């Protein structure tokens, strides 16, 4: 996940599978405003006094998690990043994006406060940053509950991110959101479906694992996914090996030397849709012109799989990404 200053219920009327995830009808009002709910978020108890009614979400993957649970009518709006059109055009939740208020591409104090939220869903480097002053503590100071994306939870005593395997993080967030909004049945159905789809792919994985490098961008060193980021789970489940799995962090900078010495056989490219330097074609040209990468199997054979940003961060597209990568690898005989 490239670091942007982001510029990123109870009745179940029906669960429809749409491409990579569930497209569900809007969740109706919760029957209980009750004594509230407490969940564990980033290793600590988080008290939610009542079912949130005015949620502000940042980033497309985070917003799609809420849409997948049918929670659009609980939202005051969402912010995203400048290249959102790629995520939008490939999203099973386009109607939700059109219906819920788009707050723009600036996840700032001013934008958040103007939306009068009672619940803010973001994550470290998915909107929360000390540099902008938008932190969980500041969210509390305006009377809202800050919920942190579990994939981006900081490791104790450090700014490194990732406190559990990425798939566990996804399931934890879906389960927590189900409890918070009173849609536990819906959350359980999603988790059960996602587990089944991912397990089905994993069971067909070959014994010999292809080597995969995730290429986000380079300026000048490459930005990639360590073992705490969602691509680690996608690559693992597809039956391959993340060549950056030795990096104990989420999305992180590495070196061209480290990327090339493992001789990746496939390179997964993140498509942001932002600027000429970020197009898949520009990134492929960059890989070809990089002396160390030019000699790798992936670059020599042109083995590139391009996926949208929202398909590679924690969110409801993860099962589809596992299936797509596995299909690509099998098509290449890997």
C-alpha atoms as a PDB file:
ATOM      1  CA  UNK A   1       0.000   0.000   0.000  1.00  0.00           C
ATOM      2  CA  UNK A   2       1.691   3.158  -1.201  1.00  0.00           C
ATOM      3  CA  UNK A   3       1.706   5.845   1.464  1.00  0.00           C
ATOM      4  CA  UNK A   4      -0.740   8.534   0.393  1.00  0.00           C
ATOM      5  CA  UNK A   5      -2.059  11.382   2.546  1.00  0.00           C
ATOM      6  CA  UNK A   6      -5.099   9.606   1.581  1.00  0.00           C
ATOM      7  CA  UNK A   7      -6.520  10.617  -0.918  1.00  0.00           C
ATOM      8  CA  UNK A   8      -8.006   7.403  -0.308  1.00  0.00           C
ATOM      9  CA  UNK A   9     -28.639  -3.893  10.389  1.00  0.00           C
ATOM     10  CA  UNK A  10     -29.912  -6.779  11.009  1.00  0.00           C
ATOM     11  CA  UNK A  11     -32.233  -8.170   8.402  1.00  0.00           C
ATOM     12  CA  UNK A  12     -30.480 -10.209   5.764  1.00  0.00           C
ATOM     13  CA  UNK A  13     -32.464  -9.707   2.596  1.00  0.00           C
ATOM     14  CA  UNK A  14     -30.101 -11.624   0.407  1.00  0.00           C
ATOM     15  CA  UNK A  15     -26.504 -12.506  -0.213  1.00  0.00           C
ATOM     16  CA  UNK A  16     -25.403 -12.336  -3.835  1.00  0.00           C
ATOM     17  CA  UNK A  17     -21.965 -13.350  -4.972  1.00  0.00           C
ATOM     18  CA  UNK A  18     -20.575 -10.770  -7.345  1.00  0.00           C
ATOM     19  CA  UNK A  19     -17.180 -11.552  -8.800  1.00  0.00           C
ATOM     20  CA  UNK A  20     -14.761 -11.467  -5.913  1.00  0.00           C
ATOM     21  CA  UNK A  21     -17.104 -10.878  -3.053  1.00  0.00           C
ATOM     22  CA  UNK A  22     -20.562 -10.573  -1.673  1.00  0.00           C
ATOM     23  CA  UNK A  23     -22.881  -7.869  -2.944  1.00  0.00           C
ATOM     24  CA  UNK A  24     -25.595  -7.505  -0.373  1.00  0.00           C
ATOM     25  CA  UNK A  25     -28.569  -5.287   0.202  1.00  0.00           C
ATOM     26  CA  UNK A  26     -28.170  -2.419   2.611  1.00  0.00           C
ATOM     27  CA  UNK A  27     -28.241  -3.341   6.266  1.00  0.00           C
ATOM     28  CA  UNK A  28     -31.337  -2.080   7.996  1.00  0.00           C
ATOM     29  CA  UNK A  29     -31.278  -0.204  11.279  1.00  0.00           C
ATOM     30  CA  UNK A  30     -30.103  -2.249  14.227  1.00  0.00           C
ATOM     31  CA  UNK A  31     -32.789  -3.304  16.633  1.00  0.00           C
ATOM     32  CA  UNK A  32     -30.618  -2.301  19.571  1.00  0.00           C
ATOM     33  CA  UNK A  33     -28.838   0.812  20.602  1.00  0.00           C
ATOM     34  CA  UNK A  34     -28.202  -1.100  23.863  1.00  0.00           C
ATOM     35  CA  UNK A  35     -25.230  -0.845  26.166  1.00  0.00           C
ATOM     36  CA  UNK A  36     -22.786  -0.982  23.315  1.00  0.00           C
ATOM     37  CA  UNK A  37     -20.237  -3.475  22.110  1.00  0.00           C
ATOM     38  CA  UNK A  38     -16.604  -4.109  22.952  1.00  0.00           C
ATOM     39  CA  UNK A  39     -14.246  -5.723  20.444  1.00  0.00           C
ATOM     40  CA  UNK A  40     -10.510  -6.265  20.343  1.00  0.00           C
ATOM     41  CA  UNK A  41      -8.825  -3.955  17.851  1.00  0.00           C
ATOM     42  CA  UNK A  42      -5.036  -3.781  17.476  1.00  0.00           C
ATOM     43  CA  UNK A  43      -4.675  -5.910  20.581  1.00  0.00           C
ATOM     44  CA  UNK A  44      -6.698  -3.617  22.829  1.00  0.00           C
ATOM     45  CA  UNK A  45     -10.350  -3.437  23.857  1.00  0.00           C
ATOM     46  CA  UNK A  46     -12.410  -0.944  21.860  1.00  0.00           C
ATOM     47  CA  UNK A  47     -15.768   0.153  23.254  1.00  0.00           C
ATOM     48  CA  UNK A  48     -18.469   1.217  20.802  1.00  0.00           C
ATOM     49  CA  UNK A  49     -21.294   2.814  22.793  1.00  0.00           C
ATOM     50  CA  UNK A  50     -24.018   2.183  20.200  1.00  0.00           C
ATOM     51  CA  UNK A  51     -24.430   1.085  16.592  1.00  0.00           C
ATOM     52  CA  UNK A  52     -22.605   3.702  14.480  1.00  0.00           C
ATOM     53  CA  UNK A  53     -24.826   5.836  12.238  1.00  0.00           C
ATOM     54  CA  UNK A  54     -22.332   8.197  10.635  1.00  0.00           C
ATOM     55  CA  UNK A  55     -19.265   6.252   9.547  1.00  0.00           C
ATOM     56  CA  UNK A  56     -16.389   7.855   7.694  1.00  0.00           C
ATOM     57  CA  UNK A  57     -14.111   5.371   5.917  1.00  0.00           C
ATOM     58  CA  UNK A  58     -10.816   5.995   4.207  1.00  0.00           C
ATOM     59  CA  UNK A  59      -9.410   4.067   1.239  1.00  0.00           C
ATOM     60  CA  UNK A  60     -11.164   1.806  -1.245  1.00  0.00           C
ATOM     61  CA  UNK A  61     -10.388  -1.538   0.379  1.00  0.00           C
ATOM     62  CA  UNK A  62     -11.649  -0.348   3.757  1.00  0.00           C
ATOM     63  CA  UNK A  63     -14.772   1.163   2.217  1.00  0.00           C
ATOM     64  CA  UNK A  64     -15.502  -2.036   0.293  1.00  0.00           C
ATOM     65  CA  UNK A  65     -15.375  -4.012   3.545  1.00  0.00           C
ATOM     66  CA  UNK A  66     -18.308  -1.943   4.771  1.00  0.00           C
ATOM     67  CA  UNK A  67     -20.117  -2.323   1.449  1.00  0.00           C
ATOM     68  CA  UNK A  68     -19.616  -6.096   1.487  1.00  0.00           C
ATOM     69  CA  UNK A  69     -21.402  -6.157   4.832  1.00  0.00           C
ATOM     70  CA  UNK A  70     -24.259  -4.047   3.466  1.00  0.00           C
ATOM     71  CA  UNK A  71     -23.459  -1.064   5.675  1.00  0.00           C
ATOM     72  CA  UNK A  72     -23.646   1.750   3.137  1.00  0.00           C
ATOM     73  CA  UNK A  73     -26.626   3.345   4.872  1.00  0.00           C
ATOM     74  CA  UNK A  74     -24.567   3.674   8.060  1.00  0.00           C
ATOM     75  CA  UNK A  75     -22.000   5.843   6.280  1.00  0.00           C
ATOM     76  CA  UNK A  76     -21.566   9.598   6.277  1.00  0.00           C
ATOM     77  CA  UNK A  77     -19.063   9.209   3.473  1.00  0.00           C
ATOM     78  CA  UNK A  78     -15.686   7.933   2.327  1.00  0.00           C
ATOM     79  CA  UNK A  79     -12.401   9.375   1.160  1.00  0.00           C
ATOM     80  CA  UNK A  80     -10.081   7.752  -1.314  1.00  0.00           C
ATOM     81  CA  UNK A  81      -7.051   8.595  -3.482  1.00  0.00           C
ATOM     82  CA  UNK A  82      -6.572  10.281  -6.849  1.00  0.00           C
ATOM     83  CA  UNK A  83      -6.502   7.066  -8.904  1.00  0.00           C
ATOM     84  CA  UNK A  84      -9.757   5.710  -7.554  1.00  0.00           C
ATOM     85  CA  UNK A  85     -11.201   5.198 -11.059  1.00  0.00           C
ATOM     86  CA  UNK A  86      -9.291   1.917 -11.536  1.00  0.00           C
ATOM     87  CA  UNK A  87     -10.651   0.523  -8.282  1.00  0.00           C
ATOM     88  CA  UNK A  88     -14.115   1.884  -9.056  1.00  0.00           C
ATOM     89  CA  UNK A  89     -14.295   0.437 -12.562  1.00  0.00           C
ATOM     90  CA  UNK A  90     -13.322  -3.030 -11.318  1.00  0.00           C
ATOM     91  CA  UNK A  91     -15.405  -2.960  -8.135  1.00  0.00           C
ATOM     92  CA  UNK A  92     -18.409  -5.237  -7.497  1.00  0.00           C
ATOM     93  CA  UNK A  93     -19.684  -2.375  -5.304  1.00  0.00           C
ATOM     94  CA  UNK A  94     -19.880   0.403  -7.907  1.00  0.00           C
ATOM     95  CA  UNK A  95     -23.502   1.119  -6.999  1.00  0.00           C
ATOM     96  CA  UNK A  96     -22.508   1.624  -3.363  1.00  0.00           C
ATOM     97  CA  UNK A  97     -19.701   3.982  -4.342  1.00  0.00           C
ATOM     98  CA  UNK A  98     -22.244   5.973  -6.365  1.00  0.00           C
ATOM     99  CA  UNK A  99     -24.782   6.028  -3.541  1.00  0.00           C
ATOM    100  CA  UNK A 100     -22.601   6.899  -0.538  1.00  0.00           C
ATOM    101  CA  UNK A 101     -21.232  10.425  -0.271  1.00  0.00           C
ATOM    102  CA  UNK A 102     -17.758  10.799  -1.774  1.00  0.00           C
ATOM    103  CA  UNK A 103     -15.831  13.115   0.540  1.00  0.00           C
ATOM    104  CA  UNK A 104     -12.938  13.511  -1.910  1.00  0.00           C
ATOM    105  CA  UNK A 105      -9.302  12.580  -1.819  1.00  0.00           C
ATOM    106  CA  UNK A 106      -8.176  14.379   1.338  1.00  0.00           C
ATOM    107  CA  UNK A 107      -8.443  12.488   4.626  1.00  0.00           C
ATOM    108  CA  UNK A 108      -7.895  15.562   6.750  1.00  0.00           C
ATOM    109  CA  UNK A 109      -9.138  16.832  10.080  1.00  0.00           C
ATOM    110  CA  UNK A 110     -11.317  19.375   8.327  1.00  0.00           C
ATOM    111  CA  UNK A 111     -12.974  16.851   6.003  1.00  0.00           C
ATOM    112  CA  UNK A 112     -13.525  14.313   8.759  1.00  0.00           C
ATOM    113  CA  UNK A 113     -14.923  16.812  11.250  1.00  0.00           C
ATOM    114  CA  UNK A 114     -17.274  18.342   8.664  1.00  0.00           C
ATOM    115  CA  UNK A 115     -18.842  14.894   8.130  1.00  0.00           C
ATOM    116  CA  UNK A 116     -19.740  14.721  11.847  1.00  0.00           C
ATOM    117  CA  UNK A 117     -18.806  11.043  12.224  1.00  0.00           C
ATOM    118  CA  UNK A 118     -19.466   8.806  15.189  1.00  0.00           C
ATOM    119  CA  UNK A 119     -17.109   6.087  13.853  1.00  0.00           C
ATOM    120  CA  UNK A 120     -13.997   6.433  11.678  1.00  0.00           C
ATOM    121  CA  UNK A 121     -12.509   3.401   9.938  1.00  0.00           C
ATOM    122  CA  UNK A 122      -8.932   3.834   8.684  1.00  0.00           C
ATOM    123  CA  UNK A 123      -5.484   2.424   9.348  1.00  0.00           C
ATOM    124  CA  UNK A 124      -1.883   3.463   9.845  1.00  0.00           C
ATOM    125  CA  UNK A 125      -0.700   4.630   6.404  1.00  0.00           C
ATOM    126  CA  UNK A 126      -4.271   4.037   5.265  1.00  0.00           C
ATOM    127  CA  UNK A 127      -5.160   7.515   6.513  1.00  0.00           C
ATOM    128  CA  UNK A 128      -3.890   7.600  10.091  1.00  0.00           C
ATOM    129  CA  UNK A 129      -0.622   9.544  10.304  1.00  0.00           C
ATOM    130  CA  UNK A 130       1.085  11.615  12.935  1.00  0.00           C
ATOM    131  CA  UNK A 131       2.230  14.003  10.187  1.00  0.00           C
ATOM    132  CA  UNK A 132      -1.345  15.073   9.366  1.00  0.00           C
ATOM    133  CA  UNK A 133      -2.616  14.984  12.918  1.00  0.00           C
ATOM    134  CA  UNK A 134      -5.229  12.428  11.947  1.00  0.00           C
ATOM    135  CA  UNK A 135      -4.638   9.777  14.585  1.00  0.00           C
ATOM    136  CA  UNK A 136      -6.911   7.504  16.610  1.00  0.00           C
ATOM    137  CA  UNK A 137      -6.430   9.816  19.595  1.00  0.00           C
ATOM    138  CA  UNK A 138      -7.591  12.818  17.571  1.00  0.00           C
ATOM    139  CA  UNK A 139     -10.646  10.869  16.359  1.00  0.00           C
ATOM    140  CA  UNK A 140     -11.536  10.238  20.013  1.00  0.00           C
ATOM    141  CA  UNK A 141     -11.100  13.930  20.770  1.00  0.00           C
ATOM    142  CA  UNK A 142     -13.938  14.836  18.385  1.00  0.00           C
ATOM    143  CA  UNK A 143     -16.264  12.315  20.000  1.00  0.00           C
ATOM    144  CA  UNK A 144     -15.974   9.517  17.441  1.00  0.00           C
ATOM    145  CA  UNK A 145     -14.739   5.941  17.752  1.00  0.00           C
ATOM    146  CA  UNK A 146     -11.537   5.159  15.792  1.00  0.00           C
ATOM    147  CA  UNK A 147     -11.439   1.652  14.328  1.00  0.00           C
ATOM    148  CA  UNK A 148      -8.044   0.628  12.944  1.00  0.00           C
ATOM    149  CA  UNK A 149      -7.585  -1.694   9.971  1.00  0.00           C
ATOM    150  CA  UNK A 150      -6.068  -4.800  11.538  1.00  0.00           C
ATOM    151  CA  UNK A 151      -3.580  -5.454   8.733  1.00  0.00           C
ATOM    152  CA  UNK A 152      -2.075  -2.043   9.519  1.00  0.00           C
ATOM    153  CA  UNK A 153      -1.971  -2.335  13.321  1.00  0.00           C
ATOM    154  CA  UNK A 154       1.430  -1.319  14.585  1.00  0.00           C
ATOM    155  CA  UNK A 155       3.654  -3.856  16.240  1.00  0.00           C
ATOM    156  CA  UNK A 156       4.178  -2.960  19.928  1.00  0.00           C
ATOM    157  CA  UNK A 157       6.920  -0.412  20.454  1.00  0.00           C
ATOM    158  CA  UNK A 158       7.498   0.259  16.749  1.00  0.00           C
ATOM    159  CA  UNK A 159       5.933   1.759  13.642  1.00  0.00           C
ATOM    160  CA  UNK A 160       6.210  -1.565  11.814  1.00  0.00           C
ATOM    161  CA  UNK A 161       2.787  -2.872  10.891  1.00  0.00           C
ATOM    162  CA  UNK A 162       1.220  -6.295  11.203  1.00  0.00           C
ATOM    163  CA  UNK A 163       0.302  -8.164  14.385  1.00  0.00           C
ATOM    164  CA  UNK A 164      -1.244 -11.328  12.881  1.00  0.00           C
ATOM    165  CA  UNK A 165      -1.262 -13.195   9.551  1.00  0.00           C
ATOM    166  CA  UNK A 166      -3.036 -11.110   6.881  1.00  0.00           C
ATOM    167  CA  UNK A 167      -5.960 -13.486   6.357  1.00  0.00           C
ATOM    168  CA  UNK A 168      -6.555 -13.581  10.102  1.00  0.00           C
ATOM    169  CA  UNK A 169      -6.568  -9.784  10.036  1.00  0.00           C
ATOM    170  CA  UNK A 170      -9.240  -9.755   7.315  1.00  0.00           C
ATOM    171  CA  UNK A 171     -11.431 -12.236   9.163  1.00  0.00           C
ATOM    172  CA  UNK A 172     -10.965 -10.356  12.448  1.00  0.00           C
ATOM    173  CA  UNK A 173     -12.169  -7.104  10.900  1.00  0.00           C
ATOM    174  CA  UNK A 174     -15.191  -8.694   9.240  1.00  0.00           C
ATOM    175  CA  UNK A 175     -16.123 -10.415  12.500  1.00  0.00           C
ATOM    176  CA  UNK A 176     -15.630  -7.239  14.546  1.00  0.00           C
ATOM    177  CA  UNK A 177     -17.669  -5.143  12.130  1.00  0.00           C
ATOM    178  CA  UNK A 178     -20.423  -7.759  12.227  1.00  0.00           C
ATOM    179  CA  UNK A 179     -20.624  -7.398  15.996  1.00  0.00           C
ATOM    180  CA  UNK A 180     -20.361  -3.606  15.993  1.00  0.00           C
ATOM    181  CA  UNK A 181     -23.174  -3.142  13.474  1.00  0.00           C
ATOM    182  CA  UNK A 182     -25.354  -6.064  14.544  1.00  0.00           C
ATOM    183  CA  UNK A 183     -24.866  -8.041  11.323  1.00  0.00           C
ATOM    184  CA  UNK A 184     -23.065 -11.058  12.803  1.00  0.00           C
ATOM    185  CA  UNK A 185     -24.824 -13.558  10.529  1.00  0.00           C
ATOM    186  CA  UNK A 186     -23.770 -11.668   7.450  1.00  0.00           C
ATOM    187  CA  UNK A 187     -20.191 -11.416   8.663  1.00  0.00           C
ATOM    188  CA  UNK A 188     -20.078 -15.120   9.431  1.00  0.00           C
ATOM    189  CA  UNK A 189     -21.377 -15.959   5.945  1.00  0.00           C
ATOM    190  CA  UNK A 190     -18.689 -13.800   4.337  1.00  0.00           C
ATOM    191  CA  UNK A 191     -15.890 -15.354   6.372  1.00  0.00           C
ATOM    192  CA  UNK A 192     -17.180 -18.863   5.668  1.00  0.00           C
ATOM    193  CA  UNK A 193     -17.397 -18.126   1.936  1.00  0.00           C
ATOM    194  CA  UNK A 194     -13.942 -16.540   1.794  1.00  0.00           C
ATOM    195  CA  UNK A 195     -12.350 -19.428   3.704  1.00  0.00           C
ATOM    196  CA  UNK A 196     -13.971 -21.988   1.401  1.00  0.00           C
ATOM    197  CA  UNK A 197     -12.864 -20.233  -1.779  1.00  0.00           C
ATOM    198  CA  UNK A 198      -9.300 -19.725  -0.589  1.00  0.00           C
ATOM    199  CA  UNK A 199      -9.023 -23.276   0.788  1.00  0.00           C
ATOM    200  CA  UNK A 200     -10.240 -24.662  -2.551  1.00  0.00           C
ATOM    201  CA  UNK A 201      -7.380 -22.892  -4.329  1.00  0.00           C
ATOM    202  CA  UNK A 202      -4.781 -23.882  -1.749  1.00  0.00           C
ATOM    203  CA  UNK A 203      -5.692 -27.570  -2.007  1.00  0.00           C
ATOM    204  CA  UNK A 204      -4.797 -27.511  -5.709  1.00  0.00           C
ATOM    205  CA  UNK A 205      -1.450 -25.790  -5.240  1.00  0.00           C
ATOM    206  CA  UNK A 206       1.585 -27.576  -6.722  1.00  0.00           C
ATOM    207  CA  UNK A 207       4.336 -28.859  -4.464  1.00  0.00           C
ATOM    208  CA  UNK A 208       6.898 -26.611  -6.131  1.00  0.00           C
ATOM    209  CA  UNK A 209       6.242 -22.946  -5.412  1.00  0.00           C
ATOM    210  CA  UNK A 210       6.774 -20.221  -7.971  1.00  0.00           C
ATOM    211  CA  UNK A 211       8.695 -17.165  -6.790  1.00  0.00           C
ATOM    212  CA  UNK A 212       6.604 -13.974  -6.870  1.00  0.00           C
ATOM    213  CA  UNK A 213       7.651 -10.358  -6.388  1.00  0.00           C
ATOM    214  CA  UNK A 214       5.053  -7.687  -5.640  1.00  0.00           C
ATOM    215  CA  UNK A 215       5.990  -4.422  -7.359  1.00  0.00           C
ATOM    216  CA  UNK A 216       4.148  -1.409  -6.054  1.00  0.00           C
ATOM    217  CA  UNK A 217       6.423   1.378  -7.294  1.00  0.00           C
ATOM    218  CA  UNK A 218       9.994   2.647  -7.080  1.00  0.00           C
ATOM    219  CA  UNK A 219      11.356   6.040  -6.154  1.00  0.00           C
ATOM    220  CA  UNK A 220      14.110   4.997  -6.592  1.00  0.00           C
ATOM    221  CA  UNK A 221      14.060   1.836  -4.452  1.00  0.00           C
ATOM    222  CA  UNK A 222      11.213  -0.630  -4.902  1.00  0.00           C
ATOM    223  CA  UNK A 223       8.194  -0.600  -2.617  1.00  0.00           C
ATOM    224  CA  UNK A 224       6.798  -4.075  -1.994  1.00  0.00           C
ATOM    225  CA  UNK A 225       4.802  -6.265   0.381  1.00  0.00           C
ATOM    226  CA  UNK A 226       6.451  -7.913   3.362  1.00  0.00           C
ATOM    227  CA  UNK A 227       5.048 -10.907   5.182  1.00  0.00           C
ATOM    228  CA  UNK A 228       2.492  -8.869   7.157  1.00  0.00           C
ATOM    229  CA  UNK A 229       0.779  -7.403   4.067  1.00  0.00           C
ATOM    230  CA  UNK A 230      -2.226  -8.867   2.279  1.00  0.00           C
ATOM    231  CA  UNK A 231      -0.239  -9.922  -0.832  1.00  0.00           C
ATOM    232  CA  UNK A 232       1.645 -12.380   1.403  1.00  0.00           C
ATOM    233  CA  UNK A 233      -1.652 -14.193   2.054  1.00  0.00           C
ATOM    234  CA  UNK A 234      -2.654 -13.991  -1.615  1.00  0.00           C
ATOM    235  CA  UNK A 235       0.665 -15.401  -2.823  1.00  0.00           C
ATOM    236  CA  UNK A 236       0.727 -18.130  -0.159  1.00  0.00           C
ATOM    237  CA  UNK A 237      -2.827 -19.269  -0.854  1.00  0.00           C
ATOM    238  CA  UNK A 238      -2.196 -19.326  -4.596  1.00  0.00           C
ATOM    239  CA  UNK A 239       0.608 -21.815  -3.979  1.00  0.00           C
ATOM    240  CA  UNK A 240       3.555 -19.491  -4.555  1.00  0.00           C
ATOM    241  CA  UNK A 241       6.329 -17.852  -2.531  1.00  0.00           C
ATOM    242  CA  UNK A 242       6.618 -14.162  -1.745  1.00  0.00           C
ATOM    243  CA  UNK A 243      10.280 -13.299  -2.302  1.00  0.00           C
ATOM    244  CA  UNK A 244       9.963 -10.492   0.257  1.00  0.00           C
ATOM    245  CA  UNK A 245       8.552 -12.720   3.016  1.00  0.00           C
ATOM    246  CA  UNK A 246      11.681 -12.167   5.107  1.00  0.00           C
ATOM    247  CA  UNK A 247      10.614  -8.547   5.698  1.00  0.00           C
ATOM    248  CA  UNK A 248       8.776  -8.381   9.031  1.00  0.00           C
ATOM    249  CA  UNK A 249       6.517  -5.504   8.051  1.00  0.00           C
ATOM    250  CA  UNK A 250       3.511  -4.729   5.906  1.00  0.00           C
ATOM    251  CA  UNK A 251       4.081  -2.536   2.828  1.00  0.00           C
ATOM    252  CA  UNK A 252       7.732  -1.611   2.898  1.00  0.00           C
ATOM    253  CA  UNK A 253      10.732  -0.436   0.882  1.00  0.00           C
ATOM    254  CA  UNK A 254      13.303  -3.031  -0.164  1.00  0.00           C
ATOM    255  CA  UNK A 255      16.279  -2.948  -2.567  1.00  0.00           C
ATOM    256  CA  UNK A 256      16.645  -3.949  -6.197  1.00  0.00           C
ATOM    257  CA  UNK A 257      19.443  -6.271  -5.101  1.00  0.00           C
ATOM    258  CA  UNK A 258      17.149  -8.138  -2.722  1.00  0.00           C
ATOM    259  CA  UNK A 259      14.363  -8.328  -5.291  1.00  0.00           C
ATOM    260  CA  UNK A 260      16.611  -9.583  -8.082  1.00  0.00           C
ATOM    261  CA  UNK A 261      18.753 -12.080  -6.173  1.00  0.00           C
ATOM    262  CA  UNK A 262      15.722 -14.323  -5.579  1.00  0.00           C
ATOM    263  CA  UNK A 263      15.106 -14.435  -9.363  1.00  0.00           C
ATOM    264  CA  UNK A 264      11.318 -13.948  -9.251  1.00  0.00           C
ATOM    265  CA  UNK A 265       9.417 -15.920 -11.866  1.00  0.00           C
ATOM    266  CA  UNK A 266       6.313 -13.710 -11.739  1.00  0.00           C
ATOM    267  CA  UNK A 267       5.866 -10.060 -10.847  1.00  0.00           C
ATOM    268  CA  UNK A 268       2.523  -8.786  -9.551  1.00  0.00           C
ATOM    269  CA  UNK A 269       2.084  -5.098 -10.401  1.00  0.00           C
ATOM    270  CA  UNK A 270      -0.135  -2.723  -8.433  1.00  0.00           C
ATOM    271  CA  UNK A 271      -2.306  -0.565 -10.705  1.00  0.00           C
ATOM    272  CA  UNK A 272      -3.073   2.783  -9.061  1.00  0.00           C
ATOM    273  CA  UNK A 273      -4.213   4.650 -12.137  1.00  0.00           C
ATOM    274  CA  UNK A 274      -2.370   7.773 -10.948  1.00  0.00           C
ATOM    275  CA  UNK A 275      -0.057   9.558 -13.375  1.00  0.00           C
ATOM    276  CA  UNK A 276       1.972   8.311 -16.307  1.00  0.00           C
ATOM    277  CA  UNK A 277       4.765   7.005 -14.083  1.00  0.00           C
ATOM    278  CA  UNK A 278       2.305   4.744 -12.283  1.00  0.00           C
ATOM    279  CA  UNK A 279       0.698   3.014 -15.248  1.00  0.00           C
ATOM    280  CA  UNK A 280       1.366  -0.738 -15.541  1.00  0.00           C
ATOM    281  CA  UNK A 281       3.173  -0.052 -18.830  1.00  0.00           C
ATOM    282  CA  UNK A 282       5.479   2.473 -17.169  1.00  0.00           C
ATOM    283  CA  UNK A 283       6.243   0.067 -14.326  1.00  0.00           C
ATOM    284  CA  UNK A 284       7.032  -2.748 -16.769  1.00  0.00           C
ATOM    285  CA  UNK A 285       9.342  -0.412 -18.678  1.00  0.00           C
ATOM    286  CA  UNK A 286      11.031   0.496 -15.392  1.00  0.00           C
ATOM    287  CA  UNK A 287      11.588  -3.170 -14.566  1.00  0.00           C
ATOM    288  CA  UNK A 288      13.022  -3.852 -18.014  1.00  0.00           C
ATOM    289  CA  UNK A 289      15.430  -0.930 -17.751  1.00  0.00           C
ATOM    290  CA  UNK A 290      16.601  -1.804 -14.243  1.00  0.00           C
ATOM    291  CA  UNK A 291      19.900  -3.694 -14.771  1.00  0.00           C
ATOM    292  CA  UNK A 292      19.423  -6.149 -11.916  1.00  0.00           C
ATOM    293  CA  UNK A 293      15.782  -6.913 -12.652  1.00  0.00           C
ATOM    294  CA  UNK A 294      16.265  -7.202 -16.401  1.00  0.00           C
ATOM    295  CA  UNK A 295      17.956 -10.570 -15.969  1.00  0.00           C
ATOM    296  CA  UNK A 296      15.270 -12.129 -13.800  1.00  0.00           C
ATOM    297  CA  UNK A 297      13.040 -14.864 -15.143  1.00  0.00           C
ATOM    298  CA  UNK A 298       9.906 -12.772 -14.716  1.00  0.00           C
ATOM    299  CA  UNK A 299      11.216  -9.833 -16.737  1.00  0.00           C
ATOM    300  CA  UNK A 300      12.899 -11.941 -19.414  1.00  0.00           C
ATOM    301  CA  UNK A 301       9.727 -13.968 -19.979  1.00  0.00           C
ATOM    302  CA  UNK A 302       7.307 -11.080 -19.499  1.00  0.00           C
ATOM    303  CA  UNK A 303       5.474 -12.734 -16.614  1.00  0.00           C
ATOM    304  CA  UNK A 304       3.437  -9.859 -15.189  1.00  0.00           C
ATOM    305  CA  UNK A 305       0.057  -9.959 -13.476  1.00  0.00           C
ATOM    306  CA  UNK A 306      -1.537  -6.532 -13.060  1.00  0.00           C
ATOM    307  CA  UNK A 307      -4.114  -6.122 -10.294  1.00  0.00           C
ATOM    308  CA  UNK A 308      -5.936  -3.024  -9.030  1.00  0.00           C
ATOM    309  CA  UNK A 309      -4.820  -1.465  -5.777  1.00  0.00           C
ATOM    310  CA  UNK A 310      -8.041  -2.499  -4.006  1.00  0.00           C
ATOM    311  CA  UNK A 311      -7.382  -6.132  -4.936  1.00  0.00           C
ATOM    312  CA  UNK A 312      -4.087  -6.141  -3.052  1.00  0.00           C
ATOM    313  CA  UNK A 313      -4.893  -4.399   0.223  1.00  0.00           C
ATOM    314  CA  UNK A 314      -6.987  -5.905   3.001  1.00  0.00           C
ATOM    315  CA  UNK A 315     -10.567  -6.069   1.781  1.00  0.00           C
ATOM    316  CA  UNK A 316     -13.282  -8.264   0.304  1.00  0.00           C
ATOM    317  CA  UNK A 317     -11.470  -8.758  -3.011  1.00  0.00           C
ATOM    318  CA  UNK A 318      -8.858 -11.032  -1.428  1.00  0.00           C
ATOM    319  CA  UNK A 319     -10.487 -14.365  -2.443  1.00  0.00           C
ATOM    320  CA  UNK A 320     -10.752 -13.193  -6.047  1.00  0.00           C
ATOM    321  CA  UNK A 321      -7.101 -12.121  -6.034  1.00  0.00           C
ATOM    322  CA  UNK A 322      -6.062 -15.569  -4.776  1.00  0.00           C
ATOM    323  CA  UNK A 323      -8.064 -17.201  -7.568  1.00  0.00           C
ATOM    324  CA  UNK A 324      -6.687 -14.859 -10.224  1.00  0.00           C
ATOM    325  CA  UNK A 325      -3.061 -15.341  -9.210  1.00  0.00           C
ATOM    326  CA  UNK A 326      -3.489 -19.124  -9.011  1.00  0.00           C
ATOM    327  CA  UNK A 327      -5.077 -19.167 -12.474  1.00  0.00           C
ATOM    328  CA  UNK A 328      -2.228 -17.078 -13.875  1.00  0.00           C
ATOM    329  CA  UNK A 329       0.413 -19.323 -12.344  1.00  0.00           C
ATOM    330  CA  UNK A 330      -1.243 -22.513 -13.635  1.00  0.00           C
ATOM    331  CA  UNK A 331      -1.520 -20.926 -17.075  1.00  0.00           C
ATOM    332  CA  UNK A 332       2.238 -20.437 -16.990  1.00  0.00           C
ATOM    333  CA  UNK A 333       2.769 -24.026 -15.915  1.00  0.00           C
ATOM    334  CA  UNK A 334       3.861 -23.037 -12.407  1.00  0.00           C
END
